[in-house]
All heavy atoms as atom14 arrays in JSON, in Angstrom:
{
  "sequence": "VARPKPAPDGYRAGCARLGVPPSRVVVFEDAPAGIEAARTAGAAAVAV",
  "atom14_mask": [
    [1, 1, 1, 1, 1, 1, 1, 0, 0, 0, 0, 0, 0, 0],
    [1, 1, 1, 1, 1, 0, 0, 0, 0, 0, 0, 0, 0, 0],
    [1, 1, 1, 1, 1, 1, 1, 1, 1, 1, 1, 0, 0, 0],
    [1, 1, 1, 1, 1, 1, 1, 0, 0, 0, 0, 0, 0, 0],
    [1, 1, 1, 1, 1, 1, 1, 1, 1, 0, 0, 0, 0, 0],
    [1, 1, 1, 1, 1, 1, 1, 0, 0, 0, 0, 0, 0, 0],
    [1, 1, 1, 1, 1, 0, 0, 0, 0, 0, 0, 0, 0, 0],
    [1, 1, 1, 1, 1, 1, 1, 0, 0, 0, 0, 0, 0, 0],
    [1, 1, 1, 1, 1, 1, 1, 1, 0, 0, 0, 0, 0, 0],
    [1, 1, 1, 1, 0, 0, 0, 0, 0, 0, 0, 0, 0, 0],
    [1, 1, 1, 1, 1, 1, 1, 1, 1, 1, 1, 1, 0, 0],
    [1, 1, 1, 1, 1, 1, 1, 1, 1, 1, 1, 0, 0, 0],
    [1, 1, 1, 1, 1, 0, 0, 0, 0, 0, 0, 0, 0, 0],
    [1, 1, 1, 1, 0, 0, 0, 0, 0, 0, 0, 0, 0, 0],
    [1, 1, 1, 1, 1, 1, 0, 0, 0, 0, 0, 0, 0, 0],
    [1, 1, 1, 1, 1, 0, 0, 0, 0, 0, 0, 0, 0, 0],
    [1, 1, 1, 1, 1, 1, 1, 1, 1, 1, 1, 0, 0, 0],
    [1, 1, 1, 1, 1, 1, 1, 1, 0, 0, 0, 0, 0, 0],
    [1, 1, 1, 1, 0, 0, 0, 0, 0, 0, 0, 0, 0, 0],
    [1, 1, 1, 1, 1, 1, 1, 0, 0, 0, 0, 0, 0, 0],
    [1, 1, 1, 1, 1, 1, 1, 0, 0, 0, 0, 0, 0, 0],
    [1, 1, 1, 1, 1, 1, 1, 0, 0, 0, 0, 0, 0, 0],
    [1, 1, 1, 1, 1, 1, 0, 0, 0, 0, 0, 0, 0, 0],
    [1, 1, 1, 1, 1, 1, 1, 1, 1, 1, 1, 0, 0, 0],
    [1, 1, 1, 1, 1, 1, 1, 0, 0, 0, 0, 0, 0, 0],
    [1, 1, 1, 1, 1, 1, 1, 0, 0, 0, 0, 0, 0, 0],
    [1, 1, 1, 1, 1, 1, 1, 0, 0, 0, 0, 0, 0, 0],
    [1, 1, 1, 1, 1, 1, 1, 1, 1, 1, 1, 0, 0, 0],
    [1, 1, 1, 1, 1, 1, 1, 1, 1, 0, 0, 0, 0, 0],
    [1, 1, 1, 1, 1, 1, 1, 1, 0, 0, 0, 0, 0, 0],
    [1, 1, 1, 1, 1, 0, 0, 0, 0, 0, 0, 0, 0, 0],
    [1, 1, 1, 1, 1, 1, 1, 0, 0, 0, 0, 0, 0, 0],
    [1, 1, 1, 1, 1, 0, 0, 0, 0, 0, 0, 0, 0, 0],
    [1, 1, 1, 1, 0, 0, 0, 0, 0, 0, 0, 0, 0, 0],
    [1, 1, 1, 1, 1, 1, 1, 1, 0, 0, 0, 0, 0, 0],
    [1, 1, 1, 1, 1, 1, 1, 1, 1, 0, 0, 0, 0, 0],
    [1, 1, 1, 1, 1, 0, 0, 0, 0, 0, 0, 0, 0, 0],
    [1, 1, 1, 1, 1, 0, 0, 0, 0, 0, 0, 0, 0, 0],
    [1, 1, 1, 1, 1, 1, 1, 1, 1, 1, 1, 0, 0, 0],
    [1, 1, 1, 1, 1, 1, 1, 0, 0, 0, 0, 0, 0, 0],
    [1, 1, 1, 1, 1, 0, 0, 0, 0, 0, 0, 0, 0, 0],
    [1, 1, 1, 1, 0, 0, 0, 0, 0, 0, 0, 0, 0, 0],
    [1, 1, 1, 1, 1, 0, 0, 0, 0, 0, 0, 0, 0, 0],
    [1, 1, 1, 1, 1, 0, 0, 0, 0, 0, 0, 0, 0, 0],
    [1, 1, 1, 1, 1, 0, 0, 0, 0, 0, 0, 0, 0, 0],
    [1, 1, 1, 1, 1, 1, 1, 0, 0, 0, 0, 0, 0, 0],
    [1, 1, 1, 1, 1, 0, 0, 0, 0, 0, 0, 0, 0, 0],
    [1, 1, 1, 1, 1, 1, 1, 0, 0, 0, 0, 0, 0, 0]
  ],
  "atom14_positions": [
    [[0.83, -1.17, 0.01], [-0.05, -0.02, 0.07], [0.84, 1.23, -0.03], [1.96, 1.28, 0.53], [-0.96, 0.06, 1.23], [-1.96, -1.05, 1.16], [-0.18, -0.09, 2.52], [0.0, 0.0, 0.0], [0.0, 0.0, 0.0], [0.0, 0.0, 0.0], [0.0, 0.0, 0.0], [0.0, 0.0, 0.0], [0.0, 0.0, 0.0], [0.0, 0.0, 0.0]],
    [[0.36, 2.29, -0.63], [1.1, 3.58, -0.63], [0.94, 4.29, 0.73], [1.89, 4.98, 1.2], [0.6, 4.45, -1.81], [0.0, 0.0, 0.0], [0.0, 0.0, 0.0], [0.0, 0.0, 0.0], [0.0, 0.0, 0.0], [0.0, 0.0, 0.0], [0.0, 0.0, 0.0], [0.0, 0.0, 0.0], [0.0, 0.0, 0.0], [0.0, 0.0, 0.0]],
    [[-0.19, 4.14, 1.31], [-0.48, 4.83, 2.54], [-0.81, 3.8, 3.62], [-1.72, 3.09, 3.6], [-1.63, 5.78, 2.51], [-1.56, 6.9, 1.43], [-2.65, 7.82, 1.42], [-3.92, 7.09, 1.27], [-5.1, 7.6, 1.65], [-5.16, 8.83, 2.19], [-6.27, 6.91, 1.44], [0.0, 0.0, 0.0], [0.0, 0.0, 0.0], [0.0, 0.0, 0.0]],
    [[0.15, 3.6, 4.66], [-0.07, 2.7, 5.73], [-1.17, 3.07, 6.74], [-1.62, 4.27, 6.6], [1.32, 2.49, 6.35], [1.92, 3.96, 6.17], [1.37, 4.38, 4.86], [0.0, 0.0, 0.0], [0.0, 0.0, 0.0], [0.0, 0.0, 0.0], [0.0, 0.0, 0.0], [0.0, 0.0, 0.0], [0.0, 0.0, 0.0], [0.0, 0.0, 0.0]],
    [[-1.46, 2.3, 7.71], [-2.39, 2.63, 8.77], [-1.82, 3.9, 9.41], [-0.65, 4.03, 9.61], [-2.46, 1.46, 9.79], [-2.95, 0.18, 9.31], [-2.76, -0.93, 10.3], [-3.04, -2.31, 9.76], [-2.91, -3.34, 10.72], [0.0, 0.0, 0.0], [0.0, 0.0, 0.0], [0.0, 0.0, 0.0], [0.0, 0.0, 0.0], [0.0, 0.0, 0.0]],
    [[-2.69, 4.83, 9.73], [-4.11, 4.81, 9.93], [-4.96, 5.02, 8.63], [-6.17, 5.17, 8.72], [-4.42, 5.95, 10.95], [-3.35, 6.9, 10.67], [-2.15, 6.18, 10.39], [0.0, 0.0, 0.0], [0.0, 0.0, 0.0], [0.0, 0.0, 0.0], [0.0, 0.0, 0.0], [0.0, 0.0, 0.0], [0.0, 0.0, 0.0], [0.0, 0.0, 0.0]],
    [[-4.31, 5.15, 7.5], [-5.1, 5.24, 6.24], [-5.75, 3.86, 6.03], [-5.25, 2.88, 6.42], [-4.13, 5.61, 5.08], [0.0, 0.0, 0.0], [0.0, 0.0, 0.0], [0.0, 0.0, 0.0], [0.0, 0.0, 0.0], [0.0, 0.0, 0.0], [0.0, 0.0, 0.0], [0.0, 0.0, 0.0], [0.0, 0.0, 0.0], [0.0, 0.0, 0.0]],
    [[-6.88, 3.94, 5.25], [-7.68, 2.73, 5.18], [-7.24, 1.84, 3.99], [-7.84, 0.84, 3.78], [-9.11, 3.29, 4.87], [-8.82, 4.6, 4.14], [-7.64, 5.11, 4.84], [0.0, 0.0, 0.0], [0.0, 0.0, 0.0], [0.0, 0.0, 0.0], [0.0, 0.0, 0.0], [0.0, 0.0, 0.0], [0.0, 0.0, 0.0], [0.0, 0.0, 0.0]],
    [[-6.21, 2.2, 3.31], [-5.84, 1.51, 2.04], [-5.6, 0.0, 2.34], [-6.06, -0.87, 1.5], [-4.54, 2.12, 1.48], [-4.62, 3.54, 1.2], [-5.38, 4.25, 1.94], [-4.02, 4.04, 0.25], [0.0, 0.0, 0.0], [0.0, 0.0, 0.0], [0.0, 0.0, 0.0], [0.0, 0.0, 0.0], [0.0, 0.0, 0.0], [0.0, 0.0, 0.0]],
    [[-4.92, -0.34, 3.44], [-4.66, -1.78, 3.68], [-5.86, -2.63, 3.83], [-6.09, -3.67, 3.23], [0.0, 0.0, 0.0], [0.0, 0.0, 0.0], [0.0, 0.0, 0.0], [0.0, 0.0, 0.0], [0.0, 0.0, 0.0], [0.0, 0.0, 0.0], [0.0, 0.0, 0.0], [0.0, 0.0, 0.0], [0.0, 0.0, 0.0], [0.0, 0.0, 0.0]],
    [[-6.88, -2.09, 4.57], [-8.05, -2.89, 4.81], [-8.98, -2.83, 3.62], [-9.68, -3.79, 3.39], [-8.82, -2.34, 6.08], [-8.18, -2.87, 7.3], [-7.47, -2.16, 8.26], [-8.21, -4.29, 7.53], [-6.91, -2.69, 9.38], [-7.51, -4.82, 8.69], [-6.93, -3.94, 9.57], [-6.35, -4.49, 10.6], [0.0, 0.0, 0.0], [0.0, 0.0, 0.0]],
    [[-8.93, -1.68, 2.85], [-9.74, -1.8, 1.56], [-9.13, -2.88, 0.66], [-9.89, -3.66, 0.06], [-9.69, -0.5, 0.92], [-10.59, 0.61, 1.57], [-10.4, 1.94, 0.98], [-11.36, 2.89, 1.69], [-11.19, 4.19, 1.56], [-10.17, 4.77, 0.85], [-12.08, 5.08, 2.16], [0.0, 0.0, 0.0], [0.0, 0.0, 0.0], [0.0, 0.0, 0.0]],
    [[-7.84, -2.91, 0.6], [-7.19, -3.96, -0.24], [-7.46, -5.35, 0.26], [-7.78, -6.26, -0.51], [-5.71, -3.75, -0.27], [0.0, 0.0, 0.0], [0.0, 0.0, 0.0], [0.0, 0.0, 0.0], [0.0, 0.0, 0.0], [0.0, 0.0, 0.0], [0.0, 0.0, 0.0], [0.0, 0.0, 0.0], [0.0, 0.0, 0.0], [0.0, 0.0, 0.0]],
    [[-7.47, -5.5, 1.6], [-7.76, -6.84, 2.18], [-9.24, -7.23, 1.84], [-9.48, -8.47, 1.48], [0.0, 0.0, 0.0], [0.0, 0.0, 0.0], [0.0, 0.0, 0.0], [0.0, 0.0, 0.0], [0.0, 0.0, 0.0], [0.0, 0.0, 0.0], [0.0, 0.0, 0.0], [0.0, 0.0, 0.0], [0.0, 0.0, 0.0], [0.0, 0.0, 0.0]],
    [[-10.2, -6.4, 1.89], [-11.54, -6.64, 1.65], [-11.69, -7.09, 0.18], [-12.39, -8.08, -0.17], [-12.52, -5.61, 1.93], [-12.61, -5.22, 3.67], [0.0, 0.0, 0.0], [0.0, 0.0, 0.0], [0.0, 0.0, 0.0], [0.0, 0.0, 0.0], [0.0, 0.0, 0.0], [0.0, 0.0, 0.0], [0.0, 0.0, 0.0], [0.0, 0.0, 0.0]],
    [[-11.0, -6.3, -0.71], [-11.01, -6.65, -2.13], [-10.45, -8.04, -2.48], [-10.98, -8.75, -3.22], [-10.27, -5.52, -2.92], [0.0, 0.0, 0.0], [0.0, 0.0, 0.0], [0.0, 0.0, 0.0], [0.0, 0.0, 0.0], [0.0, 0.0, 0.0], [0.0, 0.0, 0.0], [0.0, 0.0, 0.0], [0.0, 0.0, 0.0], [0.0, 0.0, 0.0]],
    [[-9.37, -8.35, -1.78], [-8.75, -9.6, -2.0], [-9.55, -10.75, -1.47], [-9.56, -11.89, -2.07], [-7.38, -9.65, -1.44], [-6.39, -8.71, -2.21], [-4.98, -8.77, -1.59], [-4.19, -7.7, -2.19], [-2.8, -7.52, -1.92], [-2.18, -8.49, -1.13], [-2.17, -6.57, -2.4], [0.0, 0.0, 0.0], [0.0, 0.0, 0.0], [0.0, 0.0, 0.0]],
    [[-10.31, -10.5, -0.37], [-11.21, -11.55, 0.11], [-12.43, -11.72, -0.85], [-13.05, -12.75, -0.71], [-11.74, -11.21, 1.53], [-10.8, -11.19, 2.66], [-11.54, -10.72, 3.94], [-10.21, -12.54, 2.83], [0.0, 0.0, 0.0], [0.0, 0.0, 0.0], [0.0, 0.0, 0.0], [0.0, 0.0, 0.0], [0.0, 0.0, 0.0], [0.0, 0.0, 0.0]],
    [[-12.71, -10.69, -1.56], [-13.96, -10.65, -2.4], [-15.18, -10.42, -1.65], [-16.27, -10.85, -2.02], [0.0, 0.0, 0.0], [0.0, 0.0, 0.0], [0.0, 0.0, 0.0], [0.0, 0.0, 0.0], [0.0, 0.0, 0.0], [0.0, 0.0, 0.0], [0.0, 0.0, 0.0], [0.0, 0.0, 0.0], [0.0, 0.0, 0.0], [0.0, 0.0, 0.0]],
    [[-15.04, -9.67, -0.56], [-16.16, -9.4, 0.32], [-16.3, -7.88, 0.57], [-15.24, -7.2, 0.81], [-15.93, -10.09, 1.76], [-17.12, -9.75, 2.69], [-15.81, -11.6, 1.63], [0.0, 0.0, 0.0], [0.0, 0.0, 0.0], [0.0, 0.0, 0.0], [0.0, 0.0, 0.0], [0.0, 0.0, 0.0], [0.0, 0.0, 0.0], [0.0, 0.0, 0.0]],
    [[-17.56, -7.27, 0.47], [-17.7, -5.87, 0.73], [-17.2, -5.47, 2.16], [-17.4, -6.35, 3.1], [-19.15, -5.61, 0.53], [-19.67, -6.76, -0.25], [-18.79, -7.89, 0.16], [0.0, 0.0, 0.0], [0.0, 0.0, 0.0], [0.0, 0.0, 0.0], [0.0, 0.0, 0.0], [0.0, 0.0, 0.0], [0.0, 0.0, 0.0], [0.0, 0.0, 0.0]],
    [[-16.5, -4.32, 2.43], [-16.09, -4.01, 3.67], [-17.22, -3.98, 4.76], [-16.96, -4.36, 5.9], [-15.62, -2.53, 3.53], [-15.16, -2.5, 2.08], [-16.14, -3.38, 1.31], [0.0, 0.0, 0.0], [0.0, 0.0, 0.0], [0.0, 0.0, 0.0], [0.0, 0.0, 0.0], [0.0, 0.0, 0.0], [0.0, 0.0, 0.0], [0.0, 0.0, 0.0]],
    [[-18.48, -3.7, 4.3], [-19.58, -3.68, 5.31], [-19.91, -5.15, 5.81], [-20.55, -5.22, 6.8], [-20.77, -3.12, 4.63], [-21.21, -3.88, 3.57], [0.0, 0.0, 0.0], [0.0, 0.0, 0.0], [0.0, 0.0, 0.0], [0.0, 0.0, 0.0], [0.0, 0.0, 0.0], [0.0, 0.0, 0.0], [0.0, 0.0, 0.0], [0.0, 0.0, 0.0]],
    [[-19.33, -6.18, 5.15], [-19.55, -7.52, 5.58], [-18.36, -8.16, 6.12], [-18.27, -9.39, 6.35], [-20.14, -8.36, 4.46], [-21.36, -7.87, 3.79], [-22.52, -7.59, 4.72], [-22.92, -8.76, 5.48], [-23.8, -9.66, 4.98], [-24.31, -9.55, 3.74], [-24.15, -10.7, 5.69], [0.0, 0.0, 0.0], [0.0, 0.0, 0.0], [0.0, 0.0, 0.0]],
    [[-17.28, -7.34, 6.53], [-16.06, -7.86, 7.03], [-15.88, -7.39, 8.48], [-16.17, -6.23, 8.83], [-14.9, -7.37, 6.2], [-13.55, -7.68, 6.84], [-14.96, -7.94, 4.76], [0.0, 0.0, 0.0], [0.0, 0.0, 0.0], [0.0, 0.0, 0.0], [0.0, 0.0, 0.0], [0.0, 0.0, 0.0], [0.0, 0.0, 0.0], [0.0, 0.0, 0.0]],
    [[-15.46, -8.27, 9.3], [-15.07, -8.01, 10.7], [-13.52, -7.98, 10.83], [-12.86, -8.88, 10.36], [-15.64, -8.96, 11.72], [-15.22, -8.73, 13.07], [-17.23, -8.79, 11.66], [0.0, 0.0, 0.0], [0.0, 0.0, 0.0], [0.0, 0.0, 0.0], [0.0, 0.0, 0.0], [0.0, 0.0, 0.0], [0.0, 0.0, 0.0], [0.0, 0.0, 0.0]],
    [[-13.04, -6.89, 11.41], [-11.65, -6.64, 11.57], [-11.26, -6.78, 13.08], [-11.98, -6.14, 13.92], [-11.16, -5.33, 11.04], [-9.72, -5.07, 11.36], [-11.32, -5.33, 9.54], [0.0, 0.0, 0.0], [0.0, 0.0, 0.0], [0.0, 0.0, 0.0], [0.0, 0.0, 0.0], [0.0, 0.0, 0.0], [0.0, 0.0, 0.0], [0.0, 0.0, 0.0]],
    [[-10.21, -7.52, 13.42], [-9.66, -7.52, 14.77], [-8.36, -6.71, 14.77], [-7.42, -7.02, 14.16], [-9.39, -8.92, 15.16], [-10.63, -9.85, 15.35], [-11.21, -10.49, 14.29], [-11.28, -9.89, 16.56], [-12.3, -11.25, 14.46], [-12.44, -10.54, 16.78], [-12.97, -11.27, 15.71], [0.0, 0.0, 0.0], [0.0, 0.0, 0.0], [0.0, 0.0, 0.0]],
    [[-8.37, -5.7, 15.65], [-7.22, -4.75, 15.75], [-6.89, -4.38, 17.22], [-7.84, -4.34, 18.08], [-7.55, -3.47, 15.03], [-7.05, -3.37, 13.65], [-5.57, -3.12, 13.57], [-4.87, -2.94, 14.65], [-4.99, -3.08, 12.46], [0.0, 0.0, 0.0], [0.0, 0.0, 0.0], [0.0, 0.0, 0.0], [0.0, 0.0, 0.0], [0.0, 0.0, 0.0]],
    [[-5.64, -4.22, 17.55], [-5.28, -3.87, 18.9], [-4.69, -2.38, 18.99], [-4.52, -1.9, 20.05], [-4.21, -4.82, 19.46], [-2.81, -4.59, 18.83], [-2.8, -4.47, 17.54], [-1.89, -4.63, 19.55], [0.0, 0.0, 0.0], [0.0, 0.0, 0.0], [0.0, 0.0, 0.0], [0.0, 0.0, 0.0], [0.0, 0.0, 0.0], [0.0, 0.0, 0.0]],
    [[-4.5, -1.75, 17.82], [-3.89, -0.42, 17.78], [-4.85, 0.64, 17.35], [-5.62, 0.43, 16.42], [-2.51, -0.47, 16.93], [0.0, 0.0, 0.0], [0.0, 0.0, 0.0], [0.0, 0.0, 0.0], [0.0, 0.0, 0.0], [0.0, 0.0, 0.0], [0.0, 0.0, 0.0], [0.0, 0.0, 0.0], [0.0, 0.0, 0.0], [0.0, 0.0, 0.0]],
    [[-4.73, 1.85, 18.03], [-5.67, 2.89, 17.5], [-5.58, 3.22, 16.0], [-6.54, 3.47, 15.33], [-5.22, 4.14, 18.34], [-4.64, 3.47, 19.6], [-3.99, 2.25, 19.13], [0.0, 0.0, 0.0], [0.0, 0.0, 0.0], [0.0, 0.0, 0.0], [0.0, 0.0, 0.0], [0.0, 0.0, 0.0], [0.0, 0.0, 0.0], [0.0, 0.0, 0.0]],
    [[-4.32, 3.21, 15.46], [-4.15, 3.39, 14.01], [-4.87, 2.44, 13.2], [-5.41, 2.78, 12.17], [-2.62, 3.5, 13.7], [0.0, 0.0, 0.0], [0.0, 0.0, 0.0], [0.0, 0.0, 0.0], [0.0, 0.0, 0.0], [0.0, 0.0, 0.0], [0.0, 0.0, 0.0], [0.0, 0.0, 0.0], [0.0, 0.0, 0.0], [0.0, 0.0, 0.0]],
    [[-4.78, 1.14, 13.64], [-5.42, 0.17, 12.82], [-6.85, 0.19, 13.03], [-7.63, -0.05, 11.97], [0.0, 0.0, 0.0], [0.0, 0.0, 0.0], [0.0, 0.0, 0.0], [0.0, 0.0, 0.0], [0.0, 0.0, 0.0], [0.0, 0.0, 0.0], [0.0, 0.0, 0.0], [0.0, 0.0, 0.0], [0.0, 0.0, 0.0], [0.0, 0.0, 0.0]],
    [[-7.46, 0.49, 14.14], [-8.87, 0.66, 14.32], [-9.4, 1.7, 13.49], [-10.45, 1.62, 12.77], [-9.2, 0.79, 15.77], [-9.01, -0.42, 16.63], [-10.67, 1.38, 15.91], [-9.09, -0.16, 18.13], [0.0, 0.0, 0.0], [0.0, 0.0, 0.0], [0.0, 0.0, 0.0], [0.0, 0.0, 0.0], [0.0, 0.0, 0.0], [0.0, 0.0, 0.0]],
    [[-8.65, 2.86, 13.39], [-9.1, 3.98, 12.58], [-9.16, 3.64, 11.14], [-10.02, 3.92, 10.34], [-8.11, 5.18, 12.77], [-8.51, 6.32, 11.9], [-7.52, 7.5, 12.11], [-6.89, 7.51, 13.06], [-7.56, 8.42, 11.25], [0.0, 0.0, 0.0], [0.0, 0.0, 0.0], [0.0, 0.0, 0.0], [0.0, 0.0, 0.0], [0.0, 0.0, 0.0]],
    [[-8.1, 2.8, 10.73], [-7.96, 2.34, 9.34], [-9.23, 1.38, 8.92], [-9.77, 1.61, 7.85], [-6.72, 1.62, 9.12], [0.0, 0.0, 0.0], [0.0, 0.0, 0.0], [0.0, 0.0, 0.0], [0.0, 0.0, 0.0], [0.0, 0.0, 0.0], [0.0, 0.0, 0.0], [0.0, 0.0, 0.0], [0.0, 0.0, 0.0], [0.0, 0.0, 0.0]],
    [[-9.51, 0.54, 9.75], [-10.61, -0.44, 9.57], [-11.95, 0.32, 9.52], [-12.7, 0.02, 8.6], [-10.66, -1.53, 10.64], [0.0, 0.0, 0.0], [0.0, 0.0, 0.0], [0.0, 0.0, 0.0], [0.0, 0.0, 0.0], [0.0, 0.0, 0.0], [0.0, 0.0, 0.0], [0.0, 0.0, 0.0], [0.0, 0.0, 0.0], [0.0, 0.0, 0.0]],
    [[-12.15, 1.19, 10.39], [-13.44, 1.87, 10.42], [-13.59, 2.83, 9.24], [-14.65, 2.89, 8.65], [-13.61, 2.6, 11.75], [-13.68, 1.74, 12.91], [-13.75, 2.49, 14.26], [-15.1, 2.93, 14.47], [-15.52, 3.64, 15.56], [-14.59, 3.97, 16.42], [-16.78, 4.05, 15.8], [0.0, 0.0, 0.0], [0.0, 0.0, 0.0], [0.0, 0.0, 0.0]],
    [[-12.56, 3.47, 8.86], [-12.57, 4.37, 7.67], [-12.83, 3.48, 6.43], [-13.47, 4.01, 5.44], [-11.23, 5.17, 7.55], [-11.03, 5.9, 8.73], [-11.3, 6.15, 6.38], [0.0, 0.0, 0.0], [0.0, 0.0, 0.0], [0.0, 0.0, 0.0], [0.0, 0.0, 0.0], [0.0, 0.0, 0.0], [0.0, 0.0, 0.0], [0.0, 0.0, 0.0]],
    [[-12.29, 2.32, 6.37], [-12.56, 1.44, 5.19], [-13.93, 0.95, 5.15], [-14.36, 0.45, 4.06], [-11.55, 0.28, 5.27], [0.0, 0.0, 0.0], [0.0, 0.0, 0.0], [0.0, 0.0, 0.0], [0.0, 0.0, 0.0], [0.0, 0.0, 0.0], [0.0, 0.0, 0.0], [0.0, 0.0, 0.0], [0.0, 0.0, 0.0], [0.0, 0.0, 0.0]],
    [[-14.71, 1.09, 6.22], [-16.14, 0.62, 6.23], [-16.29, -0.69, 6.84], [-17.49, -1.25, 6.76], [0.0, 0.0, 0.0], [0.0, 0.0, 0.0], [0.0, 0.0, 0.0], [0.0, 0.0, 0.0], [0.0, 0.0, 0.0], [0.0, 0.0, 0.0], [0.0, 0.0, 0.0], [0.0, 0.0, 0.0], [0.0, 0.0, 0.0], [0.0, 0.0, 0.0]],
    [[-15.31, -1.27, 7.51], [-15.48, -2.61, 8.12], [-15.9, -2.4, 9.55], [-15.72, -1.3, 10.11], [-14.18, -3.31, 8.04], [0.0, 0.0, 0.0], [0.0, 0.0, 0.0], [0.0, 0.0, 0.0], [0.0, 0.0, 0.0], [0.0, 0.0, 0.0], [0.0, 0.0, 0.0], [0.0, 0.0, 0.0], [0.0, 0.0, 0.0], [0.0, 0.0, 0.0]],
    [[-16.37, -3.46, 10.18], [-16.69, -3.47, 11.58], [-15.44, -3.85, 12.33], [-14.84, -4.89, 12.04], [-17.83, -4.54, 11.86], [0.0, 0.0, 0.0], [0.0, 0.0, 0.0], [0.0, 0.0, 0.0], [0.0, 0.0, 0.0], [0.0, 0.0, 0.0], [0.0, 0.0, 0.0], [0.0, 0.0, 0.0], [0.0, 0.0, 0.0], [0.0, 0.0, 0.0]],
    [[-15.02, -3.0, 13.32], [-13.76, -3.28, 14.07], [-14.12, -3.82, 15.47], [-15.02, -3.3, 16.11], [-13.01, -1.96, 14.15], [0.0, 0.0, 0.0], [0.0, 0.0, 0.0], [0.0, 0.0, 0.0], [0.0, 0.0, 0.0], [0.0, 0.0, 0.0], [0.0, 0.0, 0.0], [0.0, 0.0, 0.0], [0.0, 0.0, 0.0], [0.0, 0.0, 0.0]],
    [[-13.28, -4.76, 15.82], [-13.27, -5.3, 17.21], [-11.95, -4.99, 17.77], [-10.91, -5.3, 17.27], [-13.57, -6.86, 17.21], [-13.39, -7.43, 18.65], [-14.9, -7.19, 16.64], [0.0, 0.0, 0.0], [0.0, 0.0, 0.0], [0.0, 0.0, 0.0], [0.0, 0.0, 0.0], [0.0, 0.0, 0.0], [0.0, 0.0, 0.0], [0.0, 0.0, 0.0]],
    [[-12.01, -4.34, 18.95], [-10.76, -3.94, 19.63], [-10.17, -5.15, 20.4], [-11.06, -5.87, 21.13], [-10.95, -2.76, 20.6], [0.0, 0.0, 0.0], [0.0, 0.0, 0.0], [0.0, 0.0, 0.0], [0.0, 0.0, 0.0], [0.0, 0.0, 0.0], [0.0, 0.0, 0.0], [0.0, 0.0, 0.0], [0.0, 0.0, 0.0], [0.0, 0.0, 0.0]],
    [[-8.94, -5.37, 20.39], [-8.37, -6.52, 21.07], [-7.49, -6.04, 22.09], [-6.55, -5.16, 21.86], [-7.5, -7.44, 20.06], [-6.86, -8.59, 20.83], [-8.4, -7.9, 18.96], [0.0, 0.0, 0.0], [0.0, 0.0, 0.0], [0.0, 0.0, 0.0], [0.0, 0.0, 0.0], [0.0, 0.0, 0.0], [0.0, 0.0, 0.0], [0.0, 0.0, 0.0]]
  ]
}
C-alpha cells in the first residue's frame, strides 16, 4: 500500500482480495491506528 495505517488502504485492499464488501467484514485490531484504518475502510472493528 502507498499509505499505511491509519489510512484505510490496507483494509480496503484486504476486503477486495477476500472478495467481500467492507460492510460484511469484521476486523480484529489492537492499535488505534489500525482501528481507525478499519473503520474508515467501512469494516466493523473489534478492539483486542
